[in-house]
PDB file of N, CA and C in Angstrom:
ATOM      1  N   MET A   1      87.544  59.996 126.760  1.00  0.00           N
ATOM      2  CA  MET A   1      87.469  60.384 125.361  1.00  0.00           C
ATOM      3  C   MET A   1      86.639  61.669 125.273  1.00  0.00           C
ATOM      4  N   ASN A   2      87.128  62.699 124.540  1.00  0.00           N
ATOM      5  CA  ASN A   2      86.361  63.930 124.407  1.00  0.00           C
ATOM      6  C   ASN A   2      85.545  63.924 123.112  1.00  0.00           C
ATOM      7  N   ILE A   3      84.744  64.940 122.923  1.00  0.00           N
ATOM      8  CA  ILE A   3      83.824  64.996 121.778  1.00  0.00           C
ATOM      9  C   ILE A   3      84.577  64.981 120.460  1.00  0.00           C
ATOM     10  N   ASN A   4      85.676  65.722 120.377  1.00  0.00           N
ATOM     11  CA  ASN A   4      86.452  65.742 119.127  1.00  0.00           C
ATOM     12  C   ASN A   4      86.957  64.356 118.766  1.00  0.00           C
ATOM     13  N   GLU A   5      87.399  63.591 119.737  1.00  0.00           N
ATOM     14  CA  GLU A   5      87.870  62.235 119.467  1.00  0.00           C
ATOM     15  C   GLU A   5      86.730  61.345 118.997  1.00  0.00           C
ATOM     16  N   LEU A   6      85.553  61.509 119.583  1.00  0.00           N
ATOM     17  CA  LEU A   6      84.395  60.723 119.159  1.00  0.00           C
ATOM     18  C   LEU A   6      84.000  61.052 117.718  1.00  0.00           C
ATOM     19  N   ILE A   7      84.057  62.317 117.375  1.00  0.00           N
ATOM     20  CA  ILE A   7      83.704  62.735 116.017  1.00  0.00           C
ATOM     21  C   ILE A   7      84.663  62.107 115.012  1.00  0.00           C
ATOM     22  N   ASN A   8      85.921  62.058 115.361  1.00  0.00           N
ATOM     23  CA  ASN A   8      86.933  61.531 114.435  1.00  0.00           C
ATOM     24  C   ASN A   8      86.899  60.016 114.297  1.00  0.00           C
ATOM     25  N   THR A   9      86.255  59.303 115.224  1.00  0.00           N
ATOM     26  CA  THR A   9      86.215  57.842 115.137  1.00  0.00           C
ATOM     27  C   THR A   9      85.157  57.331 114.164  1.00  0.00           C
ATOM     28  N   ASP A  10      84.183  58.153 113.791  1.00  0.00           N
ATOM     29  CA  ASP A  10      83.087  57.749 112.906  1.00  0.00           C
ATOM     30  C   ASP A  10      82.310  56.564 113.463  1.00  0.00           C
ATOM     31  N   ALA A  11      82.273  56.436 114.767  1.00  0.00           N
ATOM     32  CA  ALA A  11      81.543  55.338 115.403  1.00  0.00           C
ATOM     33  C   ALA A  11      80.050  55.655 115.390  1.00  0.00           C
ATOM     34  N   ASN A  12      79.246  54.624 115.291  1.00  0.00           N
ATOM     35  CA  ASN A  12      77.803  54.771 115.318  1.00  0.00           C
ATOM     36  C   ASN A  12      77.343  54.531 116.755  1.00  0.00           C
ATOM     37  N   ILE A  13      77.366  55.594 117.553  1.00  0.00           N
ATOM     38  CA  ILE A  13      77.037  55.477 118.967  1.00  0.00           C
ATOM     39  C   ILE A  13      76.121  56.610 119.392  1.00  0.00           C
ATOM     40  N   SER A  14      75.455  56.423 120.489  1.00  0.00           N
ATOM     41  CA  SER A  14      74.667  57.487 121.112  1.00  0.00           C
ATOM     42  C   SER A  14      75.506  58.082 122.232  1.00  0.00           C
ATOM     43  N   VAL A  15      75.398  59.377 122.388  1.00  0.00           N
ATOM     44  CA  VAL A  15      76.249  60.059 123.353  1.00  0.00           C
ATOM     45  C   VAL A  15      75.399  60.961 124.232  1.00  0.00           C
ATOM     46  N   VAL A  16      75.674  60.921 125.516  1.00  0.00           N
ATOM     47  CA  VAL A  16      75.087  61.867 126.449  1.00  0.00           C
ATOM     48  C   VAL A  16      76.192  62.876 126.752  1.00  0.00           C
ATOM     49  N   VAL A  17      75.900  64.136 126.527  1.00  0.00           N
ATOM     50  CA  VAL A  17      76.921  65.170 126.655  1.00  0.00           C
ATOM     51  C   VAL A  17      76.596  66.056 127.847  1.00  0.00           C
ATOM     52  N   SER A  18      77.587  66.271 128.667  1.00  0.00           N
ATOM     53  CA  SER A  18      77.390  67.182 129.800  1.00  0.00           C
ATOM     54  C   SER A  18      77.501  68.621 129.299  1.00  0.00           C
ATOM     55  N   VAL A  19      76.993  69.522 130.070  1.00  0.00           N
ATOM     56  CA  VAL A  19      77.065  70.942 129.726  1.00  0.00           C
ATOM     57  C   VAL A  19      78.525  71.378 129.619  1.00  0.00           C
ATOM     58  N   ALA A  20      79.364  70.888 130.501  1.00  0.00           N
ATOM     59  CA  ALA A  20      80.785  71.246 130.481  1.00  0.00           C
ATOM     60  C   ALA A  20      81.447  70.765 129.187  1.00  0.00           C
ATOM     61  N   ASP A  21      81.119  69.536 128.760  1.00  0.00           N
ATOM     62  CA  ASP A  21      81.673  69.013 127.513  1.00  0.00           C
ATOM     63  C   ASP A  21      81.191  69.821 126.313  1.00  0.00           C
ATOM     64  N   LEU A  22      79.918  70.179 126.322  1.00  0.00           N
ATOM     65  CA  LEU A  22      79.357  70.968 125.232  1.00  0.00           C
ATOM     66  C   LEU A  22      80.025  72.337 125.169  1.00  0.00           C
ATOM     67  N   LYS A  23      80.263  72.937 126.323  1.00  0.00           N
ATOM     68  CA  LYS A  23      80.933  74.234 126.376  1.00  0.00           C
ATOM     69  C   LYS A  23      82.360  74.102 125.850  1.00  0.00           C
ATOM     70  N   GLU A  24      83.065  73.054 126.257  1.00  0.00           N
ATOM     71  CA  GLU A  24      84.436  72.828 125.790  1.00  0.00           C
ATOM     72  C   GLU A  24      84.465  72.670 124.273  1.00  0.00           C
ATOM     73  N   PHE A  25      83.511  71.923 123.744  1.00  0.00           N
ATOM     74  CA  PHE A  25      83.436  71.724 122.298  1.00  0.00           C
ATOM     75  C   PHE A  25      83.190  73.050 121.580  1.00  0.00           C
ATOM     76  N   ALA A  26      82.257  73.844 122.098  1.00  0.00           N
ATOM     77  CA  ALA A  26      81.948  75.134 121.485  1.00  0.00           C
ATOM     78  C   ALA A  26      83.169  76.050 121.501  1.00  0.00           C
ATOM     79  N   LEU A  27      83.881  76.071 122.609  1.00  0.00           N
ATOM     80  CA  LEU A  27      85.087  76.903 122.707  1.00  0.00           C
ATOM     81  C   LEU A  27      86.157  76.443 121.715  1.00  0.00           C
ATOM     82  N   ASN A  28      86.263  75.131 121.526  1.00  0.00           N
ATOM     83  CA  ASN A  28      87.216  74.608 120.544  1.00  0.00           C
ATOM     84  C   ASN A  28      86.847  75.021 119.126  1.00  0.00           C
ATOM     85  N   VAL A  29      85.571  74.965 118.810  1.00  0.00           N
ATOM     86  CA  VAL A  29      85.113  75.359 117.477  1.00  0.00           C
ATOM     87  C   VAL A  29      85.405  76.839 117.239  1.00  0.00           C
ATOM     88  N   VAL A  30      85.116  77.667 118.217  1.00  0.00           N
ATOM     89  CA  VAL A  30      85.377  79.100 118.095  1.00  0.00           C
ATOM     90  C   VAL A  30      86.873  79.359 117.948  1.00  0.00           C
ATOM     91  N   ALA A  31      87.688  78.681 118.740  1.00  0.00           N
ATOM     92  CA  ALA A  31      89.136  78.864 118.666  1.00  0.00           C
ATOM     93  C   ALA A  31      89.674  78.471 117.289  1.00  0.00           C
ATOM     94  N   GLU A  32      89.176  77.374 116.734  1.00  0.00           N
ATOM     95  CA  GLU A  32      89.606  76.950 115.408  1.00  0.00           C
ATOM     96  C   GLU A  32      89.199  77.957 114.345  1.00  0.00           C
ATOM     97  N   ALA A  33      87.981  78.500 114.453  1.00  0.00           N
ATOM     98  CA  ALA A  33      87.520  79.495 113.489  1.00  0.00           C
ATOM     99  C   ALA A  33      88.347  80.768 113.567  1.00  0.00           C
ATOM    100  N   MET A  34      88.666  81.192 114.774  1.00  0.00           N
ATOM    101  CA  MET A  34      89.475  82.396 114.944  1.00  0.00           C
ATOM    102  C   MET A  34      90.895  82.185 114.415  1.00  0.00           C
ATOM    103  N   ALA A  35      91.445  81.009 114.629  1.00  0.00           N
ATOM    104  CA  ALA A  35      92.781  80.703 114.123  1.00  0.00           C
ATOM    105  C   ALA A  35      92.795  80.710 112.598  1.00  0.00           C
ATOM    106  N   ALA A  36      91.751  80.184 111.999  1.00  0.00           N
ATOM    107  CA  ALA A  36      91.657  80.180 110.538  1.00  0.00           C
ATOM    108  C   ALA A  36      91.560  81.606 110.006  1.00  0.00           C
ATOM    109  N   LYS A  37      90.800  82.444 110.687  1.00  0.00           N
ATOM    110  CA  LYS A  37      90.653  83.849 110.292  1.00  0.00           C
ATOM    111  C   LYS A  37      91.985  84.582 110.405  1.00  0.00           C
ATOM    112  N   GLU A  38      92.724  84.336 111.475  1.00  0.00           N
ATOM    113  CA  GLU A  38      94.035  84.959 111.656  1.00  0.00           C
ATOM    114  C   GLU A  38      95.008  84.511 110.575  1.00  0.00           C
ATOM    115  N   ALA A  39      94.971  83.232 110.240  1.00  0.00           N
ATOM    116  CA  ALA A  39      95.849  82.716 109.194  1.00  0.00           C
ATOM    117  C   ALA A  39      95.521  83.375 107.859  1.00  0.00           C
ATOM    118  N   GLU A  40      94.239  83.609 107.617  1.00  0.00           N
ATOM    119  CA  GLU A  40      93.808  84.262 106.388  1.00  0.00           C
ATOM    120  C   GLU A  40      94.326  85.697 106.344  1.00  0.00           C
ATOM    121  N   LYS A  41      94.285  86.391 107.473  1.00  0.00           N
ATOM    122  CA  LYS A  41      94.773  87.766 107.531  1.00  0.00           C
ATOM    123  C   LYS A  41      96.269  87.833 107.245  1.00  0.00           C
ATOM    124  N   LYS A  42      97.016  86.874 107.759  1.00  0.00           N
ATOM    125  CA  LYS A  42      98.461  86.872 107.575  1.00  0.00           C
ATOM    126  C   LYS A  42      98.833  86.631 106.121  1.00  0.00           C
ATOM    127  N   GLU A  43      97.964  85.983 105.376  1.00  0.00           N
ATOM    128  CA  GLU A  43      98.226  85.670 103.981  1.00  0.00           C
ATOM    129  C   GLU A  43      97.555  86.669 103.051  1.00  0.00           C
ATOM    130  N   GLU A  44      97.276  87.864 103.528  1.00  0.00           N
ATOM    131  CA  GLU A  44      96.588  88.887 102.735  1.00  0.00           C
ATOM    132  C   GLU A  44      97.402  89.217 101.482  1.00  0.00           C
ATOM    133  N   LYS A  45      96.709  89.340 100.376  1.00  0.00           N
ATOM    134  CA  LYS A  45      97.338  89.731  99.116  1.00  0.00           C
ATOM    135  C   LYS A  45      96.836  91.121  98.749  1.00  0.00           C
ATOM    136  N   TYR A  46      97.683  91.853  98.088  1.00  0.00           N
ATOM    137  CA  TYR A  46      97.357  93.214  97.696  1.00  0.00           C
ATOM    138  C   TYR A  46      97.388  93.324  96.175  1.00  0.00           C
ATOM    139  N   LEU A  47      96.382  93.997  95.630  1.00  0.00           N
ATOM    140  CA  LEU A  47      96.207  94.081  94.186  1.00  0.00           C
ATOM    141  C   LEU A  47      96.378  95.516  93.697  1.00  0.00           C
ATOM    142  N   THR A  48      96.831  95.648  92.468  1.00  0.00           N
ATOM    143  CA  THR A  48      96.954  96.960  91.852  1.00  0.00           C
ATOM    144  C   THR A  48      95.563  97.442  91.416  1.00  0.00           C
ATOM    145  N   PRO A  49      95.421  98.755  91.184  1.00  0.00           N
ATOM    146  CA  PRO A  49      94.136  99.251  90.681  1.00  0.00           C
ATOM    147  C   PRO A  49      93.726  98.595  89.367  1.00  0.00           C
ATOM    148  N   ASP A  50      94.692  98.341  88.487  1.00  0.00           N
ATOM    149  CA  ASP A  50      94.365  97.670  87.218  1.00  0.00           C
ATOM    150  C   ASP A  50      93.798  96.272  87.464  1.00  0.00           C
ATOM    151  N   ASP A  51      94.416  95.537  88.382  1.00  0.00           N
ATOM    152  CA  ASP A  51      93.933  94.189  88.704  1.00  0.00           C
ATOM    153  C   ASP A  51      92.514  94.230  89.256  1.00  0.00           C
ATOM    154  N   VAL A  52      92.264  95.177  90.174  1.00  0.00           N
ATOM    155  CA  VAL A  52      90.943  95.279  90.806  1.00  0.00           C
ATOM    156  C   VAL A  52      89.897  95.696  89.789  1.00  0.00           C
ATOM    157  N   ALA A  53      90.232  96.670  88.953  1.00  0.00           N
ATOM    158  CA  ALA A  53      89.287  97.128  87.929  1.00  0.00           C
ATOM    159  C   ALA A  53      88.889  95.972  87.015  1.00  0.00           C
ATOM    160  N   ASP A  54      89.861  95.164  86.598  1.00  0.00           N
ATOM    161  CA  ASP A  54      89.559  94.001  85.750  1.00  0.00           C
ATOM    162  C   ASP A  54      88.728  92.968  86.505  1.00  0.00           C
ATOM    163  N   MET A  55      89.089  92.720  87.754  1.00  0.00           N
ATOM    164  CA  MET A  55      88.410  91.700  88.549  1.00  0.00           C
ATOM    165  C   MET A  55      86.947  92.061  88.805  1.00  0.00           C
ATOM    166  N   VAL A  56      86.701  93.328  89.120  1.00  0.00           N
ATOM    167  CA  VAL A  56      85.346  93.766  89.473  1.00  0.00           C
ATOM    168  C   VAL A  56      84.559  94.189  88.241  1.00  0.00           C
ATOM    169  N   GLY A  57      85.262  94.531  87.178  1.00  0.00           N
ATOM    170  CA  GLY A  57      84.585  94.938  85.945  1.00  0.00           C
ATOM    171  C   GLY A  57      84.181  96.398  85.953  1.00  0.00           C
ATOM    172  N   VAL A  58      85.035  97.242  86.534  1.00  0.00           N
ATOM    173  CA  VAL A  58      84.776  98.685  86.565  1.00  0.00           C
ATOM    174  C   VAL A  58      86.030  99.404  86.075  1.00  0.00           C
ATOM    175  N   SER A  59      85.906 100.708  85.873  1.00  0.00           N
ATOM    176  CA  SER A  59      87.069 101.492  85.453  1.00  0.00           C
ATOM    177  C   SER A  59      87.862 101.947  86.675  1.00  0.00           C
ATOM    178  N   LYS A  60      89.073 102.429  86.415  1.00  0.00           N
ATOM    179  CA  LYS A  60      89.880 102.961  87.511  1.00  0.00           C
ATOM    180  C   LYS A  60      89.250 104.246  88.060  1.00  0.00           C
ATOM    181  N   ASN A  61      88.479 104.957  87.241  1.00  0.00           N
ATOM    182  CA  ASN A  61      87.757 106.139  87.736  1.00  0.00           C
ATOM    183  C   ASN A  61      86.721 105.738  88.782  1.00  0.00           C
ATOM    184  N   THR A  62      86.084 104.592  88.570  1.00  0.00           N
ATOM    185  CA  THR A  62      85.109 104.094  89.543  1.00  0.00           C
ATOM    186  C   THR A  62      85.810 103.746  90.850  1.00  0.00           C
ATOM    187  N   LEU A  63      86.988 103.143  90.761  1.00  0.00           N
ATOM    188  CA  LEU A  63      87.748 102.846  91.977  1.00  0.00           C
ATOM    189  C   LEU A  63      88.081 104.130  92.731  1.00  0.00           C
ATOM    190  N   TRP A  64      88.456 105.165  92.007  1.00  0.00           N
ATOM    191  CA  TRP A  64      88.756 106.453  92.637  1.00  0.00           C
ATOM    192  C   TRP A  64      87.502 106.991  93.331  1.00  0.00           C
ATOM    193  N   ARG A  65      86.344 106.909  92.649  1.00  0.00           N
ATOM    194  CA  ARG A  65      85.089 107.386  93.254  1.00  0.00           C
ATOM    195  C   ARG A  65      84.730 106.559  94.487  1.00  0.00           C
ATOM    196  N   TRP A  66      84.908 105.247  94.417  1.00  0.00           N
ATOM    197  CA  TRP A  66      84.632 104.379  95.567  1.00  0.00           C
ATOM    198  C   TRP A  66      85.505 104.745  96.754  1.00  0.00           C
ATOM    199  N   GLU A  67      86.759 105.133  96.486  1.00  0.00           N
ATOM    200  CA  GLU A  67      87.637 105.566  97.573  1.00  0.00           C
ATOM    201  C   GLU A  67      87.077 106.830  98.220  1.00  0.00           C
ATOM    202  N   LYS A  68      86.639 107.777  97.417  1.00  0.00           N
ATOM    203  CA  LYS A  68      86.076 109.030  97.955  1.00  0.00           C
ATOM    204  C   LYS A  68      84.796 108.772  98.745  1.00  0.00           C
ATOM    205  N   GLU A  69      84.012 107.763  98.324  1.00  0.00           N
ATOM    206  CA  GLU A  69      82.769 107.407  99.010  1.00  0.00           C
ATOM    207  C   GLU A  69      83.010 106.447 100.172  1.00  0.00           C
ATOM    208  N   LYS A  70      84.284 106.074 100.379  1.00  0.00           N
ATOM    209  CA  LYS A  70      84.686 105.131 101.432  1.00  0.00           C
ATOM    210  C   LYS A  70      84.026 103.756 101.264  1.00  0.00           C
ATOM    211  N   TYR A  71      83.802 103.370 100.015  1.00  0.00           N
ATOM    212  CA  TYR A  71      83.218 102.062  99.693  1.00  0.00           C
ATOM    213  C   TYR A  71      84.308 100.996  99.584  1.00  0.00           C
ATOM    214  N   LEU A  72      85.428 101.354  98.936  1.00  0.00           N
ATOM    215  CA  LEU A  72      86.572 100.460  98.805  1.00  0.00           C
ATOM    216  C   LEU A  72      87.820 101.324  98.940  1.00  0.00           C
ATOM    217  N   ILE A  73      88.456 101.224 100.089  1.00  0.00           N
ATOM    218  CA  ILE A  73      89.575 102.102 100.406  1.00  0.00           C
ATOM    219  C   ILE A  73      90.895 101.365 100.188  1.00  0.00           C
ATOM    220  N   PRO A  74      91.772 101.942  99.360  1.00  0.00           N
ATOM    221  CA  PRO A  74      93.066 101.302  99.120  1.00  0.00           C
ATOM    222  C   PRO A  74      94.061 101.602 100.234  1.00  0.00           C
ATOM    223  N   ILE A  75      95.099 100.806 100.248  1.00  0.00           N
ATOM    224  CA  ILE A  75      96.251 101.035 101.118  1.00  0.00           C
ATOM    225  C   ILE A  75      97.253 101.816 100.271  1.00  0.00           C
ATOM    226  N   LYS A  76      97.805 102.861 100.822  1.00  0.00           N
ATOM    227  CA  LYS A  76      98.795 103.641 100.081  1.00  0.00           C
ATOM    228  C   LYS A  76     100.191 103.126 100.409  1.00  0.00           C
ATOM    229  N   VAL A  77     100.938 102.798  99.375  1.00  0.00           N
ATOM    230  CA  VAL A  77     102.328 102.390  99.516  1.00  0.00           C
ATOM    231  C   VAL A  77     103.130 103.432  98.747  1.00  0.00           C
ATOM    232  N   GLY A  78     103.673 104.390  99.486  1.00  0.00           N
ATOM    233  CA  GLY A  78     104.286 105.531  98.822  1.00  0.00           C
ATOM    234  C   GLY A  78     103.193 106.304  98.115  1.00  0.00           C
ATOM    235  N   ARG A  79     103.343 106.456  96.813  1.00  0.00           N
ATOM    236  CA  ARG A  79     102.316 107.155  96.029  1.00  0.00           C
ATOM    237  C   ARG A  79     101.400 106.184  95.301  1.00  0.00           C
ATOM    238  N   LYS A  80     101.602 104.912  95.520  1.00  0.00           N
ATOM    239  CA  LYS A  80     100.817 103.894  94.807  1.00  0.00           C
ATOM    240  C   LYS A  80      99.702 103.345  95.685  1.00  0.00           C
ATOM    241  N   SER A  81      98.616 102.984  95.046  1.00  0.00           N
ATOM    242  CA  SER A  81      97.469 102.398  95.742  1.00  0.00           C
ATOM    243  C   SER A  81      97.478 100.892  95.557  1.00  0.00           C
ATOM    244  N   ARG A  82      97.150 100.195  96.626  1.00  0.00           N
ATOM    245  CA  ARG A  82      96.977  98.742  96.586  1.00  0.00           C
ATOM    246  C   ARG A  82      95.694  98.408  97.331  1.00  0.00           C
ATOM    247  N   TYR A  83      94.979  97.407  96.842  1.00  0.00           N
ATOM    248  CA  TYR A  83      93.708  97.003  97.430  1.00  0.00           C
ATOM    249  C   TYR A  83      93.852  95.619  98.045  1.00  0.00           C
ATOM    250  N   LYS A  84      93.270  95.432  99.220  1.00  0.00           N
ATOM    251  CA  LYS A  84      93.278  94.124  99.858  1.00  0.00           C
ATOM    252  C   LYS A  84      92.364  93.188  99.078  1.00  0.00           C
ATOM    253  N   LEU A  85      92.870  92.004  98.788  1.00  0.00           N
ATOM    254  CA  LEU A  85      92.068  91.011  98.082  1.00  0.00           C
ATOM    255  C   LEU A  85      90.807  90.677  98.878  1.00  0.00           C
ATOM    256  N   SER A  86      90.913  90.615 100.207  1.00  0.00           N
ATOM    257  CA  SER A  86      89.739  90.296 101.033  1.00  0.00           C
ATOM    258  C   SER A  86      88.657  91.368 100.901  1.00  0.00           C
ATOM    259  N   ASP A  87      89.052  92.651 100.769  1.00  0.00           N
ATOM    260  CA  ASP A  87      88.074  93.722 100.581  1.00  0.00           C
ATOM    261  C   ASP A  87      87.383  93.597  99.230  1.00  0.00           C
ATOM    262  N   VAL A  88      88.159  93.264  98.215  1.00  0.00           N
ATOM    263  CA  VAL A  88      87.595  93.103  96.862  1.00  0.00           C
ATOM    264  C   VAL A  88      86.623  91.925  96.836  1.00  0.00           C
ATOM    265  N   LYS A  89      87.002  90.823  97.505  1.00  0.00           N
ATOM    266  CA  LYS A  89      86.103  89.665  97.567  1.00  0.00           C
ATOM    267  C   LYS A  89      84.803  90.021  98.276  1.00  0.00           C
ATOM    268  N   SER A  90      84.880  90.850  99.324  1.00  0.00           N
ATOM    269  CA  SER A  90      83.667  91.278 100.033  1.00  0.00           C
ATOM    270  C   SER A  90      82.744  92.045  99.102  1.00  0.00           C
ATOM    271  N   ILE A  91      83.312  92.905  98.269  1.00  0.00           N
ATOM    272  CA  ILE A  91      82.523  93.658  97.289  1.00  0.00           C
ATOM    273  C   ILE A  91      81.854  92.694  96.312  1.00  0.00           C
ATOM    274  N   LEU A  92      82.619  91.731  95.818  1.00  0.00           N
ATOM    275  CA  LEU A  92      82.077  90.778  94.850  1.00  0.00           C
ATOM    276  C   LEU A  92      80.997  89.891  95.445  1.00  0.00           C
ATOM    277  N   GLU A  93      81.093  89.614  96.742  1.00  0.00           N
ATOM    278  CA  GLU A  93      80.090  88.787  97.413  1.00  0.00           C
ATOM    279  C   GLU A  93      78.900  89.604  97.895  1.00  0.00           C
ATOM    280  N   GLY A  94      78.922  90.907  97.637  1.00  0.00           N
ATOM    281  CA  GLY A  94      77.794  91.757  98.009  1.00  0.00           C
ATOM    282  C   GLY A  94      77.779  92.193  99.452  1.00  0.00           C
ATOM    283  N   ARG A  95      78.931  92.073 100.136  1.00  0.00           N
ATOM    284  CA  ARG A  95      78.996  92.479 101.538  1.00  0.00           C
ATOM    285  C   ARG A  95      79.610  93.860 101.701  1.00  0.00           C
ATOM    286  N   GLY A  96      79.928  94.528 100.603  1.00  0.00           N
ATOM    287  CA  GLY A  96      80.637  95.796 100.673  1.00  0.00           C
ATOM    288  C   GLY A  96      79.817  96.961 101.059  1.00  0.00           C
TER     289      GLY A  96
END
């Protein structure tokens, strides 16, 4: 039985874990996190400048200035600008 199986059983037991088992568990956790991140990237949504301005509470002129300052850079689709939802969320969470 591996660590993941023990976790899923909800058994009230004491466990002695070998270094190899601990390493395997850590690698599994990292792999799951990376897979979740990749899935999030594949589901990226793109917003119009009007949507972003409303969401963040700024004007479209501010979005233009942010682009020039490389604070929030849009993706150009032809002559139109689109913003990644993940980038906008980063700004809102204070990570921008």
